[in-house]
Amino acid sequence: MIDEVNFSRKEVNLVSAKAFVLIETAVGKTKEVVSALKKTEGLNSVDTVTGPYDIIAVVEAEDLNKIGDLITGKIHAIEGISRTVTCLVV
């Protein structure tokens, strides 16, 4: 017999918001920005890419407000980032 267990969102810490952050860096700053991003809590992955953007970061949080706070408060504060575009997962 399987016991039923009810979990609240808070107990299992489910993430309900996810975004891809496309990042352009200043010339010669990509490695330093990647290093700083990898130390930032809330980012699932940070990858250097080719194309119009230099880095793509995957961000997950409890809600969209926390994603916004992470991007404006922590990601934008990193020296060497010149522009970001945030793509929310729907």
PDB file of N, CA and C in Angstrom:
ATOM      1  N   MET A   1       0.840  -1.180   0.000  1.00  0.00           N
ATOM      2  CA  MET A   1       0.000   0.000   0.000  1.00  0.00           C
ATOM      3  C   MET A   1       0.889   1.250   0.000  1.00  0.00           C
ATOM      4  N   ILE A   2       0.528   2.210  -0.812  1.00  0.00           N
ATOM      5  CA  ILE A   2       1.302   3.447  -0.919  1.00  0.00           C
ATOM      6  C   ILE A   2       0.656   4.508  -0.040  1.00  0.00           C
ATOM      7  N   ASP A   3       1.467   5.109   0.825  1.00  0.00           N
ATOM      8  CA  ASP A   3       0.980   6.189   1.672  1.00  0.00           C
ATOM      9  C   ASP A   3       0.910   7.472   0.863  1.00  0.00           C
ATOM     10  N   GLU A   4      -0.180   8.202   1.022  1.00  0.00           N
ATOM     11  CA  GLU A   4      -0.297   9.482   0.345  1.00  0.00           C
ATOM     12  C   GLU A   4       0.366  10.560   1.184  1.00  0.00           C
ATOM     13  N   VAL A   5       1.117  11.378   0.520  1.00  0.00           N
ATOM     14  CA  VAL A   5       1.789  12.483   1.197  1.00  0.00           C
ATOM     15  C   VAL A   5       1.444  13.752   0.449  1.00  0.00           C
ATOM     16  N   ASN A   6       0.987  14.757   1.144  1.00  0.00           N
ATOM     17  CA  ASN A   6       0.675  16.043   0.541  1.00  0.00           C
ATOM     18  C   ASN A   6       1.798  17.017   0.833  1.00  0.00           C
ATOM     19  N   PHE A   7       2.331  17.601  -0.222  1.00  0.00           N
ATOM     20  CA  PHE A   7       3.405  18.573  -0.085  1.00  0.00           C
ATOM     21  C   PHE A   7       2.879  19.940  -0.491  1.00  0.00           C
ATOM     22  N   SER A   8       3.191  20.926   0.292  1.00  0.00           N
ATOM     23  CA  SER A   8       2.869  22.291  -0.124  1.00  0.00           C
ATOM     24  C   SER A   8       4.016  22.792  -0.980  1.00  0.00           C
ATOM     25  N   ARG A   9       3.759  23.824  -1.758  1.00  0.00           N
ATOM     26  CA  ARG A   9       4.792  24.413  -2.627  1.00  0.00           C
ATOM     27  C   ARG A   9       6.015  24.818  -1.809  1.00  0.00           C
ATOM     28  N   LYS A  10       5.815  25.354  -0.625  1.00  0.00           N
ATOM     29  CA  LYS A  10       6.923  25.815   0.203  1.00  0.00           C
ATOM     30  C   LYS A  10       7.771  24.643   0.705  1.00  0.00           C
ATOM     31  N   GLU A  11       7.136  23.539   1.083  1.00  0.00           N
ATOM     32  CA  GLU A  11       7.867  22.399   1.632  1.00  0.00           C
ATOM     33  C   GLU A  11       8.825  21.772   0.631  1.00  0.00           C
ATOM     34  N   VAL A  12       8.423  21.681  -0.621  1.00  0.00           N
ATOM     35  CA  VAL A  12       9.282  21.036  -1.609  1.00  0.00           C
ATOM     36  C   VAL A  12      10.053  22.054  -2.440  1.00  0.00           C
ATOM     37  N   ASN A  13       9.841  23.338  -2.161  1.00  0.00           N
ATOM     38  CA  ASN A  13      10.577  24.415  -2.805  1.00  0.00           C
ATOM     39  C   ASN A  13      10.499  24.330  -4.326  1.00  0.00           C
ATOM     40  N   LEU A  14       9.295  24.237  -4.868  1.00  0.00           N
ATOM     41  CA  LEU A  14       9.102  24.174  -6.302  1.00  0.00           C
ATOM     42  C   LEU A  14       9.384  25.521  -6.940  1.00  0.00           C
ATOM     43  N   VAL A  15       9.941  25.484  -8.119  1.00  0.00           N
ATOM     44  CA  VAL A  15      10.225  26.691  -8.874  1.00  0.00           C
ATOM     45  C   VAL A  15       9.114  26.851  -9.902  1.00  0.00           C
ATOM     46  N   SER A  16       8.533  28.039  -9.974  1.00  0.00           N
ATOM     47  CA  SER A  16       7.437  28.227 -10.906  1.00  0.00           C
ATOM     48  C   SER A  16       7.737  29.229 -12.009  1.00  0.00           C
ATOM     49  N   ALA A  17       8.902  29.846 -12.004  1.00  0.00           N
ATOM     50  CA  ALA A  17       9.257  30.810 -13.032  1.00  0.00           C
ATOM     51  C   ALA A  17      10.668  30.517 -13.544  1.00  0.00           C
ATOM     52  N   LYS A  18      10.814  30.599 -14.863  1.00  0.00           N
ATOM     53  CA  LYS A  18      12.103  30.309 -15.494  1.00  0.00           C
ATOM     54  C   LYS A  18      12.305  31.286 -16.639  1.00  0.00           C
ATOM     55  N   ALA A  19      13.562  31.687 -16.859  1.00  0.00           N
ATOM     56  CA  ALA A  19      13.876  32.609 -17.948  1.00  0.00           C
ATOM     57  C   ALA A  19      15.260  32.319 -18.511  1.00  0.00           C
ATOM     58  N   PHE A  20      15.411  32.630 -19.773  1.00  0.00           N
ATOM     59  CA  PHE A  20      16.717  32.609 -20.427  1.00  0.00           C
ATOM     60  C   PHE A  20      17.164  34.061 -20.526  1.00  0.00           C
ATOM     61  N   VAL A  21      18.376  34.354 -20.058  1.00  0.00           N
ATOM     62  CA  VAL A  21      18.896  35.709 -20.106  1.00  0.00           C
ATOM     63  C   VAL A  21      20.021  35.732 -21.134  1.00  0.00           C
ATOM     64  N   LEU A  22      19.794  36.473 -22.219  1.00  0.00           N
ATOM     65  CA  LEU A  22      20.775  36.613 -23.296  1.00  0.00           C
ATOM     66  C   LEU A  22      21.632  37.827 -22.963  1.00  0.00           C
ATOM     67  N   ILE A  23      22.934  37.637 -22.914  1.00  0.00           N
ATOM     68  CA  ILE A  23      23.826  38.676 -22.384  1.00  0.00           C
ATOM     69  C   ILE A  23      24.886  39.060 -23.408  1.00  0.00           C
ATOM     70  N   GLU A  24      25.013  40.358 -23.625  1.00  0.00           N
ATOM     71  CA  GLU A  24      26.117  40.912 -24.418  1.00  0.00           C
ATOM     72  C   GLU A  24      27.127  41.491 -23.441  1.00  0.00           C
ATOM     73  N   THR A  25      28.411  41.237 -23.712  1.00  0.00           N
ATOM     74  CA  THR A  25      29.454  41.781 -22.846  1.00  0.00           C
ATOM     75  C   THR A  25      30.312  42.773 -23.614  1.00  0.00           C
ATOM     76  N   ALA A  26      31.034  43.591 -22.860  1.00  0.00           N
ATOM     77  CA  ALA A  26      32.003  44.499 -23.468  1.00  0.00           C
ATOM     78  C   ALA A  26      33.138  43.656 -24.051  1.00  0.00           C
ATOM     79  N   VAL A  27      33.818  44.190 -25.023  1.00  0.00           N
ATOM     80  CA  VAL A  27      34.914  43.475 -25.683  1.00  0.00           C
ATOM     81  C   VAL A  27      35.954  43.036 -24.653  1.00  0.00           C
ATOM     82  N   GLY A  28      36.295  41.753 -24.679  1.00  0.00           N
ATOM     83  CA  GLY A  28      37.313  41.211 -23.788  1.00  0.00           C
ATOM     84  C   GLY A  28      36.860  40.919 -22.369  1.00  0.00           C
ATOM     85  N   LYS A  29      35.567  41.050 -22.079  1.00  0.00           N
ATOM     86  CA  LYS A  29      35.069  40.877 -20.704  1.00  0.00           C
ATOM     87  C   LYS A  29      34.271  39.591 -20.486  1.00  0.00           C
ATOM     88  N   THR A  30      34.100  38.774 -21.511  1.00  0.00           N
ATOM     89  CA  THR A  30      33.231  37.599 -21.399  1.00  0.00           C
ATOM     90  C   THR A  30      33.676  36.639 -20.299  1.00  0.00           C
ATOM     91  N   LYS A  31      34.948  36.321 -20.220  1.00  0.00           N
ATOM     92  CA  LYS A  31      35.427  35.373 -19.206  1.00  0.00           C
ATOM     93  C   LYS A  31      35.176  35.878 -17.796  1.00  0.00           C
ATOM     94  N   GLU A  32      35.420  37.169 -17.563  1.00  0.00           N
ATOM     95  CA  GLU A  32      35.194  37.735 -16.234  1.00  0.00           C
ATOM     96  C   GLU A  32      33.709  37.737 -15.878  1.00  0.00           C
ATOM     97  N   VAL A  33      32.850  38.030 -16.868  1.00  0.00           N
ATOM     98  CA  VAL A  33      31.413  38.042 -16.622  1.00  0.00           C
ATOM     99  C   VAL A  33      30.922  36.623 -16.325  1.00  0.00           C
ATOM    100  N   VAL A  34      31.377  35.637 -17.086  1.00  0.00           N
ATOM    101  CA  VAL A  34      30.995  34.242 -16.843  1.00  0.00           C
ATOM    102  C   VAL A  34      31.394  33.826 -15.435  1.00  0.00           C
ATOM    103  N   SER A  35      32.590  34.174 -15.022  1.00  0.00           N
ATOM    104  CA  SER A  35      33.069  33.830 -13.692  1.00  0.00           C
ATOM    105  C   SER A  35      32.170  34.442 -12.611  1.00  0.00           C
ATOM    106  N   ALA A  36      31.815  35.701 -12.777  1.00  0.00           N
ATOM    107  CA  ALA A  36      30.943  36.374 -11.806  1.00  0.00           C
ATOM    108  C   ALA A  36      29.539  35.773 -11.810  1.00  0.00           C
ATOM    109  N   LEU A  37      29.011  35.448 -12.988  1.00  0.00           N
ATOM    110  CA  LEU A  37      27.677  34.855 -13.073  1.00  0.00           C
ATOM    111  C   LEU A  37      27.623  33.494 -12.395  1.00  0.00           C
ATOM    112  N   LYS A  38      28.667  32.705 -12.538  1.00  0.00           N
ATOM    113  CA  LYS A  38      28.682  31.370 -11.944  1.00  0.00           C
ATOM    114  C   LYS A  38      28.676  31.420 -10.420  1.00  0.00           C
ATOM    115  N   LYS A  39      29.038  32.552  -9.846  1.00  0.00           N
ATOM    116  CA  LYS A  39      29.015  32.734  -8.392  1.00  0.00           C
ATOM    117  C   LYS A  39      27.672  33.296  -7.914  1.00  0.00           C
ATOM    118  N   THR A  40      26.772  33.594  -8.838  1.00  0.00           N
ATOM    119  CA  THR A  40      25.498  34.221  -8.515  1.00  0.00           C
ATOM    120  C   THR A  40      24.440  33.164  -8.218  1.00  0.00           C
ATOM    121  N   GLU A  41      23.849  33.223  -7.042  1.00  0.00           N
ATOM    122  CA  GLU A  41      22.807  32.273  -6.652  1.00  0.00           C
ATOM    123  C   GLU A  41      21.539  32.522  -7.462  1.00  0.00           C
ATOM    124  N   GLY A  42      20.899  31.450  -7.886  1.00  0.00           N
ATOM    125  CA  GLY A  42      19.656  31.547  -8.644  1.00  0.00           C
ATOM    126  C   GLY A  42      19.808  31.238 -10.110  1.00  0.00           C
ATOM    127  N   LEU A  43      21.045  31.109 -10.561  1.00  0.00           N
ATOM    128  CA  LEU A  43      21.288  30.762 -11.956  1.00  0.00           C
ATOM    129  C   LEU A  43      21.507  29.259 -12.072  1.00  0.00           C
ATOM    130  N   ASN A  44      20.777  28.627 -12.978  1.00  0.00           N
ATOM    131  CA  ASN A  44      20.925  27.184 -13.175  1.00  0.00           C
ATOM    132  C   ASN A  44      22.102  26.843 -14.064  1.00  0.00           C
ATOM    133  N   SER A  45      22.314  27.672 -15.082  1.00  0.00           N
ATOM    134  CA  SER A  45      23.441  27.426 -15.974  1.00  0.00           C
ATOM    135  C   SER A  45      23.903  28.736 -16.586  1.00  0.00           C
ATOM    136  N   VAL A  46      25.160  28.742 -16.966  1.00  0.00           N
ATOM    137  CA  VAL A  46      25.782  29.893 -17.619  1.00  0.00           C
ATOM    138  C   VAL A  46      26.645  29.330 -18.736  1.00  0.00           C
ATOM    139  N   ASP A  47      26.334  29.698 -19.982  1.00  0.00           N
ATOM    140  CA  ASP A  47      27.076  29.171 -21.120  1.00  0.00           C
ATOM    141  C   ASP A  47      27.546  30.285 -22.033  1.00  0.00           C
ATOM    142  N   THR A  48      28.787  30.194 -22.480  1.00  0.00           N
ATOM    143  CA  THR A  48      29.314  31.092 -23.495  1.00  0.00           C
ATOM    144  C   THR A  48      28.840  30.573 -24.842  1.00  0.00           C
ATOM    145  N   VAL A  49      28.340  31.463 -25.697  1.00  0.00           N
ATOM    146  CA  VAL A  49      27.784  31.064 -26.981  1.00  0.00           C
ATOM    147  C   VAL A  49      28.324  31.953 -28.099  1.00  0.00           C
ATOM    148  N   THR A  50      28.072  31.537 -29.326  1.00  0.00           N
ATOM    149  CA  THR A  50      28.417  32.364 -30.480  1.00  0.00           C
ATOM    150  C   THR A  50      27.144  33.006 -31.003  1.00  0.00           C
ATOM    151  N   GLY A  51      27.289  34.020 -31.808  1.00  0.00           N
ATOM    152  CA  GLY A  51      26.131  34.710 -32.361  1.00  0.00           C
ATOM    153  C   GLY A  51      26.044  36.117 -31.821  1.00  0.00           C
ATOM    154  N   PRO A  52      24.856  36.702 -31.847  1.00  0.00           N
ATOM    155  CA  PRO A  52      24.718  38.100 -31.420  1.00  0.00           C
ATOM    156  C   PRO A  52      24.894  38.303 -29.914  1.00  0.00           C
ATOM    157  N   TYR A  53      24.785  37.220 -29.137  1.00  0.00           N
ATOM    158  CA  TYR A  53      24.980  37.311 -27.692  1.00  0.00           C
ATOM    159  C   TYR A  53      26.223  36.536 -27.308  1.00  0.00           C
ATOM    160  N   ASP A  54      26.820  36.883 -26.185  1.00  0.00           N
ATOM    161  CA  ASP A  54      28.054  36.251 -25.725  1.00  0.00           C
ATOM    162  C   ASP A  54      27.798  35.150 -24.698  1.00  0.00           C
ATOM    163  N   ILE A  55      26.721  35.299 -23.929  1.00  0.00           N
ATOM    164  CA  ILE A  55      26.421  34.374 -22.831  1.00  0.00           C
ATOM    165  C   ILE A  55      24.914  34.155 -22.784  1.00  0.00           C
ATOM    166  N   ILE A  56      24.511  32.923 -22.452  1.00  0.00           N
ATOM    167  CA  ILE A  56      23.108  32.649 -22.130  1.00  0.00           C
ATOM    168  C   ILE A  56      23.087  32.039 -20.737  1.00  0.00           C
ATOM    169  N   ALA A  57      22.286  32.648 -19.864  1.00  0.00           N
ATOM    170  CA  ALA A  57      22.124  32.147 -18.503  1.00  0.00           C
ATOM    171  C   ALA A  57      20.681  31.689 -18.321  1.00  0.00           C
ATOM    172  N   VAL A  58      20.501  30.610 -17.582  1.00  0.00           N
ATOM    173  CA  VAL A  58      19.159  30.121 -17.259  1.00  0.00           C
ATOM    174  C   VAL A  58      18.894  30.454 -15.796  1.00  0.00           C
ATOM    175  N   VAL A  59      17.786  31.152 -15.558  1.00  0.00           N
ATOM    176  CA  VAL A  59      17.425  31.633 -14.231  1.00  0.00           C
ATOM    177  C   VAL A  59      16.116  30.972 -13.816  1.00  0.00           C
ATOM    178  N   GLU A  60      16.057  30.503 -12.561  1.00  0.00           N
ATOM    179  CA  GLU A  60      14.811  29.973 -12.021  1.00  0.00           C
ATOM    180  C   GLU A  60      14.563  30.580 -10.646  1.00  0.00           C
ATOM    181  N   ALA A  61      13.297  30.872 -10.371  1.00  0.00           N
ATOM    182  CA  ALA A  61      12.925  31.447  -9.083  1.00  0.00           C
ATOM    183  C   ALA A  61      11.477  31.085  -8.779  1.00  0.00           C
ATOM    184  N   GLU A  62      11.040  31.459  -7.579  1.00  0.00           N
ATOM    185  CA  GLU A  62       9.678  31.148  -7.141  1.00  0.00           C
ATOM    186  C   GLU A  62       8.630  31.891  -7.945  1.00  0.00           C
ATOM    187  N   ASP A  63       8.950  33.112  -8.396  1.00  0.00           N
ATOM    188  CA  ASP A  63       7.983  33.883  -9.176  1.00  0.00           C
ATOM    189  C   ASP A  63       8.709  34.881 -10.063  1.00  0.00           C
ATOM    190  N   LEU A  64       7.946  35.556 -10.926  1.00  0.00           N
ATOM    191  CA  LEU A  64       8.536  36.500 -11.876  1.00  0.00           C
ATOM    192  C   LEU A  64       9.187  37.695 -11.199  1.00  0.00           C
ATOM    193  N   ASN A  65       8.631  38.140 -10.070  1.00  0.00           N
ATOM    194  CA  ASN A  65       9.240  39.264  -9.355  1.00  0.00           C
ATOM    195  C   ASN A  65      10.650  38.929  -8.895  1.00  0.00           C
ATOM    196  N   LYS A  66      10.858  37.704  -8.424  1.00  0.00           N
ATOM    197  CA  LYS A  66      12.189  37.310  -7.968  1.00  0.00           C
ATOM    198  C   LYS A  66      13.157  37.196  -9.139  1.00  0.00           C
ATOM    199  N   ILE A  67      12.662  36.771 -10.294  1.00  0.00           N
ATOM    200  CA  ILE A  67      13.515  36.761 -11.486  1.00  0.00           C
ATOM    201  C   ILE A  67      13.905  38.186 -11.841  1.00  0.00           C
ATOM    202  N   GLY A  68      12.953  39.097 -11.814  1.00  0.00           N
ATOM    203  CA  GLY A  68      13.247  40.503 -12.102  1.00  0.00           C
ATOM    204  C   GLY A  68      14.244  41.089 -11.129  1.00  0.00           C
ATOM    205  N   ASP A  69      14.085  40.779  -9.849  1.00  0.00           N
ATOM    206  CA  ASP A  69      15.021  41.275  -8.832  1.00  0.00           C
ATOM    207  C   ASP A  69      16.423  40.722  -9.058  1.00  0.00           C
ATOM    208  N   LEU A  70      16.510  39.440  -9.418  1.00  0.00           N
ATOM    209  CA  LEU A  70      17.811  38.822  -9.674  1.00  0.00           C
ATOM    210  C   LEU A  70      18.508  39.475 -10.862  1.00  0.00           C
ATOM    211  N   ILE A  71      17.751  39.723 -11.908  1.00  0.00           N
ATOM    212  CA  ILE A  71      18.348  40.309 -13.110  1.00  0.00           C
ATOM    213  C   ILE A  71      18.760  41.757 -12.866  1.00  0.00           C
ATOM    214  N   THR A  72      17.863  42.559 -12.304  1.00  0.00           N
ATOM    215  CA  THR A  72      18.197  43.973 -12.116  1.00  0.00           C
ATOM    216  C   THR A  72      19.157  44.212 -10.960  1.00  0.00           C
ATOM    217  N   GLY A  73      19.048  43.402  -9.909  1.00  0.00           N
ATOM    218  CA  GLY A  73      19.879  43.623  -8.726  1.00  0.00           C
ATOM    219  C   GLY A  73      21.239  42.969  -8.763  1.00  0.00           C
ATOM    220  N   LYS A  74      21.330  41.800  -9.404  1.00  0.00           N
ATOM    221  CA  LYS A  74      22.598  41.070  -9.379  1.00  0.00           C
ATOM    222  C   LYS A  74      23.261  40.977 -10.745  1.00  0.00           C
ATOM    223  N   ILE A  75      22.507  40.588 -11.765  1.00  0.00           N
ATOM    224  CA  ILE A  75      23.128  40.410 -13.080  1.00  0.00           C
ATOM    225  C   ILE A  75      23.553  41.745 -13.668  1.00  0.00           C
ATOM    226  N   HIS A  76      22.667  42.728 -13.646  1.00  0.00           N
ATOM    227  CA  HIS A  76      23.020  44.038 -14.210  1.00  0.00           C
ATOM    228  C   HIS A  76      24.149  44.730 -13.448  1.00  0.00           C
ATOM    229  N   ALA A  77      24.377  44.326 -12.221  1.00  0.00           N
ATOM    230  CA  ALA A  77      25.438  44.942 -11.411  1.00  0.00           C
ATOM    231  C   ALA A  77      26.830  44.417 -11.776  1.00  0.00           C
ATOM    232  N   ILE A  78      26.906  43.378 -12.579  1.00  0.00           N
ATOM    233  CA  ILE A  78      28.203  42.793 -12.933  1.00  0.00           C
ATOM    234  C   ILE A  78      28.888  43.659 -13.976  1.00  0.00           C
ATOM    235  N   GLU A  79      30.099  44.071 -13.646  1.00  0.00           N
ATOM    236  CA  GLU A  79      30.877  44.908 -14.556  1.00  0.00           C
ATOM    237  C   GLU A  79      31.225  44.124 -15.812  1.00  0.00           C
ATOM    238  N   GLY A  80      31.042  44.747 -16.958  1.00  0.00           N
ATOM    239  CA  GLY A  80      31.364  44.114 -18.235  1.00  0.00           C
ATOM    240  C   GLY A  80      30.134  43.701 -19.029  1.00  0.00           C
ATOM    241  N   ILE A  81      28.965  43.720 -18.384  1.00  0.00           N
ATOM    242  CA  ILE A  81      27.733  43.422 -19.105  1.00  0.00           C
ATOM    243  C   ILE A  81      27.241  44.711 -19.750  1.00  0.00           C
ATOM    244  N   SER A  82      27.036  44.676 -21.068  1.00  0.00           N
ATOM    245  CA  SER A  82      26.585  45.871 -21.750  1.00  0.00           C
ATOM    246  C   SER A  82      25.099  45.855 -22.051  1.00  0.00           C
ATOM    247  N   ARG A  83      24.505  44.645 -22.175  1.00  0.00           N
ATOM    248  CA  ARG A  83      23.075  44.563 -22.498  1.00  0.00           C
ATOM    249  C   ARG A  83      22.560  43.181 -22.186  1.00  0.00           C
ATOM    250  N   THR A  84      21.291  43.099 -21.744  1.00  0.00           N
ATOM    251  CA  THR A  84      20.644  41.802 -21.541  1.00  0.00           C
ATOM    252  C   THR A  84      19.272  41.813 -22.206  1.00  0.00           C
ATOM    253  N   VAL A  85      18.847  40.625 -22.605  1.00  0.00           N
ATOM    254  CA  VAL A  85      17.485  40.404 -23.093  1.00  0.00           C
ATOM    255  C   VAL A  85      16.973  39.207 -22.327  1.00  0.00           C
ATOM    256  N   THR A  86      15.822  39.351 -21.669  1.00  0.00           N
ATOM    257  CA  THR A  86      15.257  38.266 -20.866  1.00  0.00           C
ATOM    258  C   THR A  86      14.096  37.639 -21.599  1.00  0.00           C
ATOM    259  N   CYS A  87      14.154  36.316 -21.753  1.00  0.00           N
ATOM    260  CA  CYS A  87      13.096  35.551 -22.419  1.00  0.00           C
ATOM    261  C   CYS A  87      12.450  34.662 -21.378  1.00  0.00           C
ATOM    262  N   LEU A  88      11.215  34.991 -20.984  1.00  0.00           N
ATOM    263  CA  LEU A  88      10.512  34.210 -19.972  1.00  0.00           C
ATOM    264  C   LEU A  88       9.924  32.944 -20.590  1.00  0.00           C
ATOM    265  N   VAL A  89      10.023  31.851 -19.857  1.00  0.00           N
ATOM    266  CA  VAL A  89       9.429  30.595 -20.299  1.00  0.00           C
ATOM    267  C   VAL A  89       7.957  30.638 -19.944  1.00  0.00           C
ATOM    268  N   VAL A  90       7.102  30.265 -20.905  1.00  0.00           N
ATOM    269  CA  VAL A  90       5.647  30.292 -20.654  1.00  0.00           C
ATOM    270  C   VAL A  90       5.091  28.884 -20.549  1.00  0.00           C
TER     271      VAL A  90
END
